[in-house]
Amino acid sequence: MSEYLIGKDLTNLETRVTALEEALSGRNPRLPRDPNTPDTPGGQLLINPGFEDSIAPSGWSFRCTNLQVYRPEGGGQSGRPNDRQYLAVNDEGGDPRERPSIFQDVLVSSRVGYDLDFQIWARAAAPIQRRIQLVLRKRDVLGGGYPVIAESDAFDLTTSWNQYQVIGRSTSGGRWRCEIYWADQNPIDINFDNASLFARPL
């Protein structure tokens, strides 16, 4: 982190994170952009997108009661040798007033406008009605919180793997949240695999 982002008045982590986001987004003229900080590269932005890192789904956060990484004999969604695992989640016993979800936060650095393209493969573990929605949120460095920038339609899952997508557009860098919601406390699992997140310059 650049020295000018860690001044004497930046006394806690939240303040430092906010200052960094403001510098990346260009919203705070008192914090000049570090000329040595490159734009976010065009590659994969997610940590552990295929849930392969370990038996714990590192990189992801969860608002649900049950989650597990499976390593079946046939491997994950793609069937490739390096695609061995997938994530299974449900919200059995959860609060029916809340929508369960999984999500990951990423920091995008960009000097130009871009589309943020979020995709994931999903299926239902049994032939019952399950529905998901993909949402992109971006941290509001002035007002706080993560307002919605883009949201997909509600997708009905089948027991076959299918890929789902949402795209959000922005003119500045910042911290994004990529989130997948479902809307019930059914104990039948929803399976996720091979997510991707790419920033594509306009």
N, C-alpha and C. Protein backbone atom coordinates (compact mmCIF):
# COMPACT_ATOMS: atom_id res chain seq x y z
N MET A 1 0.85 -1.18 0.00
CA MET A 1 0.00 0.00 0.00
C MET A 1 0.89 1.24 0.00
N SER A 2 0.53 2.26 -0.75
CA SER A 2 1.36 3.45 -0.87
C SER A 2 1.38 4.23 0.43
N GLU A 3 2.49 4.95 0.66
CA GLU A 3 2.65 5.67 1.92
C GLU A 3 1.57 6.72 2.11
N TYR A 4 1.15 7.39 1.00
CA TYR A 4 0.18 8.46 1.17
C TYR A 4 -1.20 7.93 1.52
N LEU A 5 -1.40 6.62 1.51
CA LEU A 5 -2.66 6.04 1.93
C LEU A 5 -2.65 5.67 3.41
N ILE A 6 -1.50 5.80 4.07
CA ILE A 6 -1.40 5.42 5.47
C ILE A 6 -0.89 6.62 6.26
N GLY A 7 -1.59 7.74 6.19
CA GLY A 7 -1.23 8.93 6.93
C GLY A 7 -1.56 8.79 8.40
N LYS A 8 -1.16 9.77 9.18
CA LYS A 8 -1.36 9.69 10.62
C LYS A 8 -2.83 9.67 11.01
N ASP A 9 -3.69 10.23 10.12
CA ASP A 9 -5.11 10.28 10.46
C ASP A 9 -5.83 8.98 10.12
N LEU A 10 -5.15 8.04 9.48
CA LEU A 10 -5.78 6.77 9.14
C LEU A 10 -5.49 5.78 10.25
N THR A 11 -6.34 5.78 11.26
CA THR A 11 -6.02 5.07 12.50
C THR A 11 -6.66 3.71 12.61
N ASN A 12 -7.50 3.29 11.67
CA ASN A 12 -8.10 1.97 11.76
C ASN A 12 -8.22 1.36 10.38
N LEU A 13 -8.44 0.07 10.37
CA LEU A 13 -8.44 -0.67 9.11
C LEU A 13 -9.56 -0.21 8.20
N GLU A 14 -10.75 0.03 8.74
CA GLU A 14 -11.88 0.44 7.90
C GLU A 14 -11.57 1.75 7.20
N THR A 15 -10.95 2.69 7.92
CA THR A 15 -10.60 3.97 7.31
C THR A 15 -9.58 3.77 6.21
N ARG A 16 -8.61 2.87 6.43
CA ARG A 16 -7.60 2.62 5.41
C ARG A 16 -8.21 1.99 4.17
N VAL A 17 -9.12 1.05 4.37
CA VAL A 17 -9.77 0.42 3.23
C VAL A 17 -10.57 1.45 2.44
N THR A 18 -11.31 2.29 3.14
CA THR A 18 -12.10 3.32 2.47
C THR A 18 -11.21 4.27 1.69
N ALA A 19 -10.07 4.65 2.28
CA ALA A 19 -9.15 5.55 1.60
C ALA A 19 -8.60 4.92 0.33
N LEU A 20 -8.26 3.64 0.41
CA LEU A 20 -7.75 2.95 -0.76
C LEU A 20 -8.81 2.90 -1.85
N GLU A 21 -10.05 2.59 -1.48
CA GLU A 21 -11.12 2.54 -2.47
C GLU A 21 -11.35 3.89 -3.11
N GLU A 22 -11.29 4.97 -2.31
CA GLU A 22 -11.47 6.30 -2.86
C GLU A 22 -10.36 6.65 -3.84
N ALA A 23 -9.13 6.25 -3.51
CA ALA A 23 -8.02 6.52 -4.41
C ALA A 23 -8.18 5.77 -5.72
N LEU A 24 -8.59 4.50 -5.64
CA LEU A 24 -8.76 3.70 -6.84
C LEU A 24 -9.89 4.21 -7.71
N SER A 25 -10.96 4.72 -7.07
CA SER A 25 -12.11 5.18 -7.83
C SER A 25 -11.95 6.61 -8.31
N GLY A 26 -10.94 7.32 -7.80
CA GLY A 26 -10.72 8.70 -8.19
C GLY A 26 -11.67 9.68 -7.52
N ARG A 27 -12.39 9.25 -6.46
CA ARG A 27 -13.39 10.10 -5.83
C ARG A 27 -12.81 11.03 -4.78
N ASN A 28 -11.58 10.79 -4.35
CA ASN A 28 -10.99 11.63 -3.32
C ASN A 28 -9.77 12.33 -3.90
N PRO A 29 -9.89 13.61 -4.27
CA PRO A 29 -8.76 14.30 -4.90
C PRO A 29 -7.58 14.50 -3.97
N ARG A 30 -7.79 14.38 -2.63
CA ARG A 30 -6.67 14.52 -1.70
C ARG A 30 -5.76 13.31 -1.71
N LEU A 31 -6.24 12.20 -2.29
CA LEU A 31 -5.45 10.98 -2.33
C LEU A 31 -5.11 10.67 -3.78
N PRO A 32 -3.98 11.15 -4.28
CA PRO A 32 -3.65 10.93 -5.69
C PRO A 32 -3.44 9.45 -5.99
N ARG A 33 -3.78 9.06 -7.20
CA ARG A 33 -3.58 7.67 -7.61
C ARG A 33 -2.09 7.37 -7.73
N ASP A 34 -1.69 6.25 -7.19
CA ASP A 34 -0.31 5.82 -7.29
C ASP A 34 -0.01 5.45 -8.74
N PRO A 35 0.91 6.15 -9.42
CA PRO A 35 1.19 5.84 -10.82
C PRO A 35 1.79 4.46 -11.00
N ASN A 36 2.29 3.87 -9.92
CA ASN A 36 2.86 2.53 -10.01
C ASN A 36 1.83 1.42 -9.80
N THR A 37 0.58 1.79 -9.50
CA THR A 37 -0.47 0.80 -9.31
C THR A 37 -1.15 0.52 -10.65
N PRO A 38 -1.00 -0.68 -11.19
CA PRO A 38 -1.59 -0.98 -12.49
C PRO A 38 -3.10 -1.19 -12.38
N ASP A 39 -3.77 -1.08 -13.52
CA ASP A 39 -5.17 -1.45 -13.56
C ASP A 39 -5.32 -2.94 -13.30
N THR A 40 -6.52 -3.31 -12.85
CA THR A 40 -6.81 -4.73 -12.66
C THR A 40 -6.61 -5.46 -13.99
N PRO A 41 -5.82 -6.54 -14.01
CA PRO A 41 -5.60 -7.26 -15.26
C PRO A 41 -6.88 -7.91 -15.75
N GLY A 42 -6.85 -8.37 -16.99
CA GLY A 42 -8.05 -8.92 -17.60
C GLY A 42 -8.35 -10.35 -17.22
N GLY A 43 -7.58 -10.93 -16.30
CA GLY A 43 -7.76 -12.32 -15.94
C GLY A 43 -8.81 -12.51 -14.85
N GLN A 44 -8.91 -13.74 -14.41
CA GLN A 44 -9.87 -14.12 -13.37
C GLN A 44 -9.64 -13.30 -12.09
N LEU A 45 -10.70 -12.71 -11.55
CA LEU A 45 -10.59 -11.87 -10.36
C LEU A 45 -10.98 -12.59 -9.07
N LEU A 46 -11.62 -13.73 -9.16
CA LEU A 46 -12.09 -14.43 -7.98
C LEU A 46 -11.00 -15.29 -7.37
N ILE A 47 -11.05 -15.45 -6.06
CA ILE A 47 -10.22 -16.41 -5.34
C ILE A 47 -10.98 -17.72 -5.27
N ASN A 48 -10.32 -18.82 -5.57
CA ASN A 48 -10.92 -20.14 -5.47
C ASN A 48 -12.25 -20.23 -6.24
N PRO A 49 -12.25 -19.89 -7.53
CA PRO A 49 -13.51 -19.86 -8.28
C PRO A 49 -14.14 -21.24 -8.49
N GLY A 50 -13.31 -22.29 -8.47
CA GLY A 50 -13.84 -23.63 -8.68
C GLY A 50 -13.95 -24.46 -7.41
N PHE A 51 -13.75 -23.81 -6.24
CA PHE A 51 -13.87 -24.49 -4.94
C PHE A 51 -12.89 -25.66 -4.84
N GLU A 52 -11.68 -25.47 -5.40
CA GLU A 52 -10.68 -26.53 -5.44
C GLU A 52 -9.60 -26.39 -4.38
N ASP A 53 -9.54 -25.28 -3.67
CA ASP A 53 -8.40 -25.01 -2.80
C ASP A 53 -8.25 -26.03 -1.69
N SER A 54 -9.36 -26.46 -1.10
CA SER A 54 -9.29 -27.38 0.03
C SER A 54 -10.70 -27.90 0.28
N ILE A 55 -10.87 -28.58 1.42
CA ILE A 55 -12.21 -29.02 1.77
C ILE A 55 -13.04 -27.87 2.33
N ALA A 56 -12.39 -26.73 2.62
CA ALA A 56 -13.11 -25.52 3.03
C ALA A 56 -13.11 -24.54 1.87
N PRO A 57 -14.24 -23.93 1.56
CA PRO A 57 -14.34 -23.04 0.39
C PRO A 57 -13.72 -21.67 0.66
N SER A 58 -12.39 -21.59 0.68
CA SER A 58 -11.71 -20.35 0.98
C SER A 58 -12.03 -19.29 -0.06
N GLY A 59 -11.99 -18.03 0.36
CA GLY A 59 -12.27 -16.91 -0.52
C GLY A 59 -13.72 -16.47 -0.53
N TRP A 60 -14.62 -17.36 -0.15
CA TRP A 60 -16.05 -17.09 -0.21
C TRP A 60 -16.63 -16.85 1.18
N SER A 61 -17.71 -16.07 1.23
CA SER A 61 -18.46 -15.86 2.46
C SER A 61 -19.88 -16.41 2.26
N PHE A 62 -20.53 -16.72 3.38
CA PHE A 62 -21.79 -17.46 3.31
C PHE A 62 -22.82 -16.88 4.26
N ARG A 63 -24.05 -16.79 3.76
CA ARG A 63 -25.21 -16.48 4.59
C ARG A 63 -26.18 -17.64 4.47
N CYS A 64 -25.80 -18.77 5.01
CA CYS A 64 -26.64 -19.97 4.97
C CYS A 64 -26.20 -20.90 6.09
N THR A 65 -27.01 -21.90 6.39
CA THR A 65 -26.75 -22.75 7.54
C THR A 65 -25.86 -23.95 7.23
N ASN A 66 -25.84 -24.40 5.97
CA ASN A 66 -25.10 -25.62 5.63
C ASN A 66 -24.31 -25.44 4.35
N LEU A 67 -23.08 -25.87 4.39
CA LEU A 67 -22.25 -25.86 3.18
C LEU A 67 -21.21 -26.97 3.28
N GLN A 68 -20.86 -27.52 2.12
CA GLN A 68 -19.88 -28.60 2.08
C GLN A 68 -19.27 -28.65 0.69
N VAL A 69 -17.98 -28.96 0.63
CA VAL A 69 -17.31 -29.18 -0.65
C VAL A 69 -17.25 -30.68 -0.89
N TYR A 70 -17.74 -31.09 -2.07
CA TYR A 70 -17.75 -32.51 -2.44
C TYR A 70 -16.67 -32.79 -3.46
N ARG A 71 -16.08 -34.00 -3.34
CA ARG A 71 -15.13 -34.48 -4.33
C ARG A 71 -15.63 -35.84 -4.84
N PRO A 72 -16.59 -35.84 -5.77
CA PRO A 72 -17.16 -37.10 -6.25
C PRO A 72 -16.21 -37.82 -7.20
N GLU A 73 -16.50 -39.07 -7.45
CA GLU A 73 -15.66 -39.86 -8.35
C GLU A 73 -15.59 -39.25 -9.74
N GLY A 74 -16.69 -38.68 -10.20
CA GLY A 74 -16.71 -38.09 -11.54
C GLY A 74 -16.17 -36.68 -11.60
N GLY A 75 -15.74 -36.12 -10.49
CA GLY A 75 -15.18 -34.77 -10.48
C GLY A 75 -16.25 -33.70 -10.46
N GLY A 76 -15.82 -32.48 -10.78
CA GLY A 76 -16.71 -31.32 -10.76
C GLY A 76 -17.47 -31.14 -12.05
N GLN A 77 -17.96 -29.92 -12.26
CA GLN A 77 -18.86 -29.62 -13.37
C GLN A 77 -18.28 -29.95 -14.74
N SER A 78 -17.03 -29.58 -14.98
CA SER A 78 -16.46 -29.71 -16.33
C SER A 78 -16.00 -31.12 -16.65
N GLY A 79 -15.71 -31.93 -15.62
CA GLY A 79 -15.17 -33.26 -15.85
C GLY A 79 -13.69 -33.28 -16.16
N ARG A 80 -13.03 -32.12 -16.17
CA ARG A 80 -11.60 -32.08 -16.42
C ARG A 80 -10.83 -32.64 -15.23
N PRO A 81 -9.61 -33.14 -15.47
CA PRO A 81 -8.84 -33.75 -14.37
C PRO A 81 -8.58 -32.80 -13.21
N ASN A 82 -8.42 -31.49 -13.51
CA ASN A 82 -8.13 -30.55 -12.43
C ASN A 82 -9.40 -29.96 -11.82
N ASP A 83 -10.57 -30.42 -12.28
CA ASP A 83 -11.85 -29.95 -11.74
C ASP A 83 -12.43 -31.10 -10.91
N ARG A 84 -12.03 -31.16 -9.64
CA ARG A 84 -12.34 -32.32 -8.82
C ARG A 84 -13.48 -32.09 -7.84
N GLN A 85 -13.80 -30.83 -7.55
CA GLN A 85 -14.72 -30.53 -6.46
C GLN A 85 -15.81 -29.56 -6.88
N TYR A 86 -16.89 -29.53 -6.11
CA TYR A 86 -17.92 -28.51 -6.25
C TYR A 86 -18.50 -28.20 -4.87
N LEU A 87 -19.20 -27.08 -4.79
CA LEU A 87 -19.77 -26.63 -3.53
C LEU A 87 -21.24 -27.02 -3.45
N ALA A 88 -21.69 -27.47 -2.29
CA ALA A 88 -23.10 -27.76 -2.04
C ALA A 88 -23.56 -26.91 -0.86
N VAL A 89 -24.70 -26.24 -1.00
CA VAL A 89 -25.22 -25.38 0.06
C VAL A 89 -26.73 -25.58 0.21
N ASN A 90 -27.21 -25.33 1.42
CA ASN A 90 -28.64 -25.17 1.65
C ASN A 90 -28.82 -24.35 2.92
N ASP A 91 -30.05 -23.96 3.20
CA ASP A 91 -30.32 -23.11 4.36
C ASP A 91 -31.38 -23.74 5.27
N GLU A 92 -31.30 -25.07 5.41
CA GLU A 92 -32.25 -25.76 6.27
C GLU A 92 -32.17 -25.21 7.70
N GLY A 93 -33.33 -24.85 8.25
CA GLY A 93 -33.37 -24.30 9.60
C GLY A 93 -33.01 -22.84 9.69
N GLY A 94 -32.77 -22.19 8.54
CA GLY A 94 -32.42 -20.79 8.55
C GLY A 94 -33.63 -19.88 8.78
N ASP A 95 -33.36 -18.60 8.89
CA ASP A 95 -34.40 -17.60 9.12
C ASP A 95 -35.17 -17.37 7.83
N PRO A 96 -36.47 -17.68 7.80
CA PRO A 96 -37.24 -17.50 6.55
C PRO A 96 -37.40 -16.05 6.14
N ARG A 97 -37.07 -15.12 7.03
CA ARG A 97 -37.15 -13.70 6.68
C ARG A 97 -35.92 -13.23 5.90
N GLU A 98 -34.89 -14.05 5.85
CA GLU A 98 -33.64 -13.69 5.18
C GLU A 98 -33.45 -14.53 3.92
N ARG A 99 -32.85 -13.92 2.90
CA ARG A 99 -32.49 -14.66 1.69
C ARG A 99 -31.08 -15.21 1.85
N PRO A 100 -30.90 -16.52 1.84
CA PRO A 100 -29.55 -17.07 1.94
C PRO A 100 -28.74 -16.75 0.70
N SER A 101 -27.41 -16.75 0.84
CA SER A 101 -26.55 -16.41 -0.29
C SER A 101 -25.13 -16.88 -0.03
N ILE A 102 -24.33 -16.87 -1.09
CA ILE A 102 -22.89 -16.95 -1.00
C ILE A 102 -22.34 -15.74 -1.76
N PHE A 103 -21.17 -15.25 -1.34
CA PHE A 103 -20.64 -14.07 -2.03
C PHE A 103 -19.13 -13.98 -1.86
N GLN A 104 -18.53 -13.14 -2.71
CA GLN A 104 -17.10 -12.83 -2.61
C GLN A 104 -16.91 -11.37 -2.95
N ASP A 105 -16.04 -10.69 -2.19
CA ASP A 105 -15.70 -9.29 -2.43
C ASP A 105 -14.37 -9.20 -3.16
N VAL A 106 -14.31 -8.32 -4.16
CA VAL A 106 -13.08 -8.13 -4.92
C VAL A 106 -12.86 -6.63 -5.12
N LEU A 107 -11.60 -6.25 -5.26
CA LEU A 107 -11.23 -4.86 -5.51
C LEU A 107 -10.81 -4.73 -6.96
N VAL A 108 -11.48 -3.84 -7.70
CA VAL A 108 -11.18 -3.61 -9.12
C VAL A 108 -10.53 -2.25 -9.25
N SER A 109 -9.36 -2.22 -9.87
CA SER A 109 -8.66 -0.97 -10.14
C SER A 109 -8.75 -0.69 -11.63
N SER A 110 -9.31 0.46 -12.01
CA SER A 110 -9.46 0.76 -13.43
C SER A 110 -9.48 2.27 -13.63
N ARG A 111 -8.80 2.75 -14.67
CA ARG A 111 -8.82 4.15 -15.06
C ARG A 111 -9.85 4.42 -16.16
N VAL A 112 -10.48 3.37 -16.65
CA VAL A 112 -11.46 3.51 -17.73
C VAL A 112 -12.73 2.76 -17.34
N GLY A 113 -13.81 3.02 -18.08
CA GLY A 113 -15.04 2.30 -17.85
C GLY A 113 -14.89 0.83 -18.22
N TYR A 114 -15.71 -0.01 -17.60
CA TYR A 114 -15.60 -1.45 -17.83
C TYR A 114 -16.92 -2.13 -17.51
N ASP A 115 -17.10 -3.29 -18.09
CA ASP A 115 -18.18 -4.20 -17.71
C ASP A 115 -17.59 -5.27 -16.80
N LEU A 116 -18.26 -5.53 -15.70
CA LEU A 116 -17.86 -6.61 -14.80
C LEU A 116 -18.78 -7.80 -15.06
N ASP A 117 -18.20 -8.89 -15.52
CA ASP A 117 -18.94 -10.07 -16.00
C ASP A 117 -18.80 -11.20 -14.98
N PHE A 118 -19.89 -11.53 -14.31
CA PHE A 118 -19.91 -12.56 -13.27
C PHE A 118 -20.73 -13.75 -13.76
N GLN A 119 -20.11 -14.94 -13.72
CA GLN A 119 -20.78 -16.16 -14.18
C GLN A 119 -20.51 -17.29 -13.19
N ILE A 120 -21.44 -18.23 -13.12
CA ILE A 120 -21.25 -19.42 -12.29
C ILE A 120 -22.10 -20.56 -12.84
N TRP A 121 -21.61 -21.78 -12.67
CA TRP A 121 -22.36 -22.98 -13.02
C TRP A 121 -23.13 -23.44 -11.79
N ALA A 122 -24.38 -23.89 -11.99
CA ALA A 122 -25.19 -24.31 -10.86
C ALA A 122 -26.17 -25.40 -11.28
N ARG A 123 -26.64 -26.15 -10.30
CA ARG A 123 -27.66 -27.17 -10.52
C ARG A 123 -28.35 -27.46 -9.19
N ALA A 124 -29.52 -28.09 -9.25
CA ALA A 124 -30.20 -28.60 -8.06
C ALA A 124 -29.80 -30.06 -7.87
N ALA A 125 -29.65 -30.47 -6.62
CA ALA A 125 -29.23 -31.84 -6.32
C ALA A 125 -30.36 -32.85 -6.51
N ALA A 126 -31.60 -32.37 -6.63
CA ALA A 126 -32.75 -33.25 -6.84
C ALA A 126 -33.76 -32.49 -7.69
N PRO A 127 -34.66 -33.21 -8.37
CA PRO A 127 -35.61 -32.56 -9.29
C PRO A 127 -36.77 -31.87 -8.57
N ILE A 128 -36.45 -30.83 -7.82
CA ILE A 128 -37.48 -30.00 -7.21
C ILE A 128 -37.19 -28.56 -7.61
N GLN A 129 -38.17 -27.69 -7.43
CA GLN A 129 -37.98 -26.31 -7.87
C GLN A 129 -36.98 -25.59 -6.98
N ARG A 130 -35.89 -25.16 -7.56
CA ARG A 130 -34.90 -24.30 -6.89
C ARG A 130 -34.62 -23.14 -7.81
N ARG A 131 -34.42 -21.99 -7.24
CA ARG A 131 -34.26 -20.76 -8.02
C ARG A 131 -33.13 -19.93 -7.43
N ILE A 132 -32.28 -19.37 -8.30
CA ILE A 132 -31.18 -18.51 -7.85
C ILE A 132 -31.23 -17.18 -8.59
N GLN A 133 -30.52 -16.21 -8.03
CA GLN A 133 -30.37 -14.90 -8.67
C GLN A 133 -28.95 -14.40 -8.42
N LEU A 134 -28.31 -13.89 -9.47
CA LEU A 134 -26.96 -13.34 -9.37
C LEU A 134 -27.07 -11.82 -9.24
N VAL A 135 -26.28 -11.25 -8.32
CA VAL A 135 -26.33 -9.82 -8.04
C VAL A 135 -24.91 -9.27 -7.94
N LEU A 136 -24.70 -8.11 -8.55
CA LEU A 136 -23.44 -7.38 -8.42
C LEU A 136 -23.70 -6.11 -7.63
N ARG A 137 -22.94 -5.93 -6.55
CA ARG A 137 -23.03 -4.73 -5.73
C ARG A 137 -21.67 -4.04 -5.73
N LYS A 138 -21.68 -2.73 -5.56
CA LYS A 138 -20.43 -1.98 -5.48
C LYS A 138 -20.46 -1.08 -4.24
N ARG A 139 -19.38 -1.13 -3.49
CA ARG A 139 -19.32 -0.35 -2.24
C ARG A 139 -19.44 1.13 -2.53
N ASP A 140 -20.29 1.79 -1.79
CA ASP A 140 -20.46 3.24 -1.86
C ASP A 140 -19.51 3.86 -0.84
N VAL A 141 -18.40 4.44 -1.32
CA VAL A 141 -17.38 4.95 -0.40
C VAL A 141 -17.83 6.22 0.29
N LEU A 142 -18.89 6.85 -0.20
CA LEU A 142 -19.39 8.06 0.46
C LEU A 142 -20.50 7.74 1.46
N GLY A 143 -21.44 6.91 1.05
CA GLY A 143 -22.57 6.61 1.91
C GLY A 143 -22.48 5.30 2.65
N GLY A 144 -21.50 4.46 2.30
CA GLY A 144 -21.39 3.15 2.93
C GLY A 144 -22.35 2.16 2.31
N GLY A 145 -22.17 0.90 2.66
CA GLY A 145 -23.03 -0.14 2.14
C GLY A 145 -22.63 -0.58 0.74
N TYR A 146 -23.38 -1.54 0.21
CA TYR A 146 -23.14 -2.11 -1.10
C TYR A 146 -24.42 -2.05 -1.92
N PRO A 147 -24.75 -0.91 -2.52
CA PRO A 147 -25.96 -0.84 -3.34
C PRO A 147 -25.86 -1.73 -4.57
N VAL A 148 -27.01 -2.19 -5.04
CA VAL A 148 -27.05 -3.06 -6.21
C VAL A 148 -26.73 -2.26 -7.47
N ILE A 149 -25.81 -2.80 -8.28
CA ILE A 149 -25.49 -2.22 -9.59
C ILE A 149 -26.19 -2.99 -10.70
N ALA A 150 -26.24 -4.31 -10.57
CA ALA A 150 -26.90 -5.14 -11.59
C ALA A 150 -27.39 -6.42 -10.94
N GLU A 151 -28.53 -6.92 -11.41
CA GLU A 151 -29.05 -8.19 -10.93
C GLU A 151 -29.66 -8.96 -12.09
N SER A 152 -29.50 -10.26 -12.04
CA SER A 152 -30.03 -11.11 -13.10
C SER A 152 -31.51 -11.37 -12.88
N ASP A 153 -32.12 -12.01 -13.86
CA ASP A 153 -33.43 -12.60 -13.62
C ASP A 153 -33.30 -13.72 -12.59
N ALA A 154 -34.42 -14.21 -12.10
CA ALA A 154 -34.42 -15.40 -11.26
C ALA A 154 -34.36 -16.63 -12.16
N PHE A 155 -33.36 -17.47 -11.94
CA PHE A 155 -33.14 -18.64 -12.80
C PHE A 155 -33.66 -19.89 -12.10
N ASP A 156 -34.47 -20.68 -12.79
CA ASP A 156 -34.91 -21.97 -12.29
C ASP A 156 -33.85 -23.02 -12.59
N LEU A 157 -33.40 -23.73 -11.57
CA LEU A 157 -32.36 -24.73 -11.74
C LEU A 157 -32.95 -26.07 -12.18
N THR A 158 -32.12 -26.85 -12.85
CA THR A 158 -32.43 -28.24 -13.14
C THR A 158 -31.37 -29.10 -12.46
N THR A 159 -31.45 -30.40 -12.65
CA THR A 159 -30.43 -31.28 -12.08
C THR A 159 -29.20 -31.40 -12.97
N SER A 160 -29.19 -30.69 -14.10
CA SER A 160 -28.02 -30.62 -14.97
C SER A 160 -27.28 -29.31 -14.72
N TRP A 161 -25.97 -29.35 -14.92
CA TRP A 161 -25.18 -28.14 -14.77
C TRP A 161 -25.54 -27.15 -15.88
N ASN A 162 -25.80 -25.90 -15.52
CA ASN A 162 -26.01 -24.81 -16.47
C ASN A 162 -25.28 -23.58 -15.97
N GLN A 163 -24.88 -22.73 -16.91
CA GLN A 163 -24.13 -21.53 -16.56
C GLN A 163 -25.05 -20.31 -16.53
N TYR A 164 -24.86 -19.46 -15.51
CA TYR A 164 -25.70 -18.29 -15.32
C TYR A 164 -24.81 -17.05 -15.20
N GLN A 165 -25.38 -15.87 -15.55
CA GLN A 165 -24.55 -14.69 -15.74
C GLN A 165 -25.28 -13.42 -15.34
N VAL A 166 -24.51 -12.44 -14.85
CA VAL A 166 -24.97 -11.07 -14.71
C VAL A 166 -23.79 -10.15 -15.04
N ILE A 167 -24.09 -9.00 -15.65
CA ILE A 167 -23.05 -8.04 -16.05
C ILE A 167 -23.40 -6.68 -15.48
N GLY A 168 -22.42 -6.05 -14.83
CA GLY A 168 -22.58 -4.70 -14.32
C GLY A 168 -21.58 -3.75 -14.95
N ARG A 169 -21.96 -2.49 -15.12
CA ARG A 169 -21.08 -1.51 -15.77
C ARG A 169 -20.71 -0.41 -14.78
N SER A 170 -19.45 0.04 -14.88
CA SER A 170 -18.98 1.12 -14.01
C SER A 170 -17.95 1.97 -14.74
N THR A 171 -17.80 3.21 -14.28
CA THR A 171 -16.80 4.11 -14.86
C THR A 171 -15.62 4.32 -13.93
N SER A 172 -15.59 3.62 -12.79
CA SER A 172 -14.49 3.81 -11.86
C SER A 172 -14.21 2.51 -11.12
N GLY A 173 -13.00 2.41 -10.58
CA GLY A 173 -12.65 1.25 -9.78
C GLY A 173 -13.34 1.28 -8.43
N GLY A 174 -13.17 0.21 -7.68
CA GLY A 174 -13.76 0.14 -6.35
C GLY A 174 -13.93 -1.29 -5.90
N ARG A 175 -14.56 -1.46 -4.75
CA ARG A 175 -14.79 -2.78 -4.18
C ARG A 175 -16.17 -3.29 -4.58
N TRP A 176 -16.19 -4.47 -5.18
CA TRP A 176 -17.42 -5.09 -5.65
C TRP A 176 -17.75 -6.32 -4.80
N ARG A 177 -19.03 -6.63 -4.74
CA ARG A 177 -19.51 -7.87 -4.12
C ARG A 177 -20.30 -8.67 -5.16
N CYS A 178 -19.84 -9.90 -5.43
CA CYS A 178 -20.51 -10.81 -6.36
C CYS A 178 -21.30 -11.81 -5.51
N GLU A 179 -22.61 -11.81 -5.64
CA GLU A 179 -23.43 -12.58 -4.72
C GLU A 179 -24.44 -13.43 -5.47
N ILE A 180 -24.69 -14.63 -4.96
CA ILE A 180 -25.71 -15.52 -5.50
C ILE A 180 -26.72 -15.82 -4.40
N TYR A 181 -27.97 -15.48 -4.66
CA TYR A 181 -29.05 -15.68 -3.70
C TYR A 181 -29.92 -16.87 -4.11
N TRP A 182 -30.52 -17.49 -3.11
CA TRP A 182 -31.68 -18.35 -3.35
C TRP A 182 -32.72 -17.98 -2.31
N ALA A 183 -33.91 -18.57 -2.37
CA ALA A 183 -35.03 -17.97 -1.67
C ALA A 183 -35.80 -18.94 -0.77
N ASP A 184 -35.14 -19.98 -0.25
CA ASP A 184 -35.88 -20.93 0.56
C ASP A 184 -34.95 -21.60 1.57
N GLN A 185 -35.57 -22.36 2.47
CA GLN A 185 -34.83 -23.11 3.48
C GLN A 185 -34.94 -24.62 3.23
N ASN A 186 -35.08 -25.00 1.96
CA ASN A 186 -35.19 -26.41 1.59
C ASN A 186 -33.88 -27.13 1.90
N PRO A 187 -33.94 -28.34 2.46
CA PRO A 187 -32.70 -29.07 2.78
C PRO A 187 -32.00 -29.67 1.56
N ILE A 188 -32.66 -29.71 0.41
CA ILE A 188 -32.02 -30.22 -0.81
C ILE A 188 -30.95 -29.24 -1.27
N ASP A 189 -29.77 -29.76 -1.54
CA ASP A 189 -28.64 -28.90 -1.88
C ASP A 189 -28.80 -28.20 -3.23
N ILE A 190 -28.19 -27.02 -3.29
CA ILE A 190 -27.85 -26.36 -4.56
C ILE A 190 -26.35 -26.50 -4.73
N ASN A 191 -25.92 -26.89 -5.92
CA ASN A 191 -24.50 -27.09 -6.22
C ASN A 191 -23.97 -25.94 -7.07
N PHE A 192 -22.77 -25.47 -6.74
CA PHE A 192 -22.11 -24.41 -7.50
C PHE A 192 -20.70 -24.87 -7.88
N ASP A 193 -20.25 -24.40 -9.06
CA ASP A 193 -18.89 -24.72 -9.50
C ASP A 193 -18.44 -23.71 -10.55
N ASN A 194 -17.13 -23.58 -10.68
CA ASN A 194 -16.48 -22.85 -11.78
C ASN A 194 -17.08 -21.47 -12.01
N ALA A 195 -17.01 -20.64 -10.97
CA ALA A 195 -17.40 -19.23 -11.11
C ALA A 195 -16.31 -18.47 -11.86
N SER A 196 -16.68 -17.33 -12.41
CA SER A 196 -15.69 -16.46 -13.07
C SER A 196 -16.12 -15.01 -12.92
N LEU A 197 -15.11 -14.13 -12.86
CA LEU A 197 -15.35 -12.70 -12.78
C LEU A 197 -14.26 -12.01 -13.58
N PHE A 198 -14.68 -11.25 -14.60
CA PHE A 198 -13.73 -10.56 -15.46
C PHE A 198 -14.17 -9.10 -15.63
N ALA A 199 -13.19 -8.18 -15.60
CA ALA A 199 -13.43 -6.78 -15.89
C ALA A 199 -13.03 -6.54 -17.35
N ARG A 200 -14.00 -6.14 -18.17
CA ARG A 200 -13.77 -5.97 -19.60
C ARG A 200 -13.87 -4.48 -19.96
N PRO A 201 -12.76 -3.84 -20.37
CA PRO A 201 -12.79 -2.40 -20.69
C PRO A 201 -13.80 -2.10 -21.80
N LEU A 202 -14.45 -0.94 -21.67
CA LEU A 202 -15.43 -0.52 -22.68
C LEU A 202 -14.72 0.01 -23.91
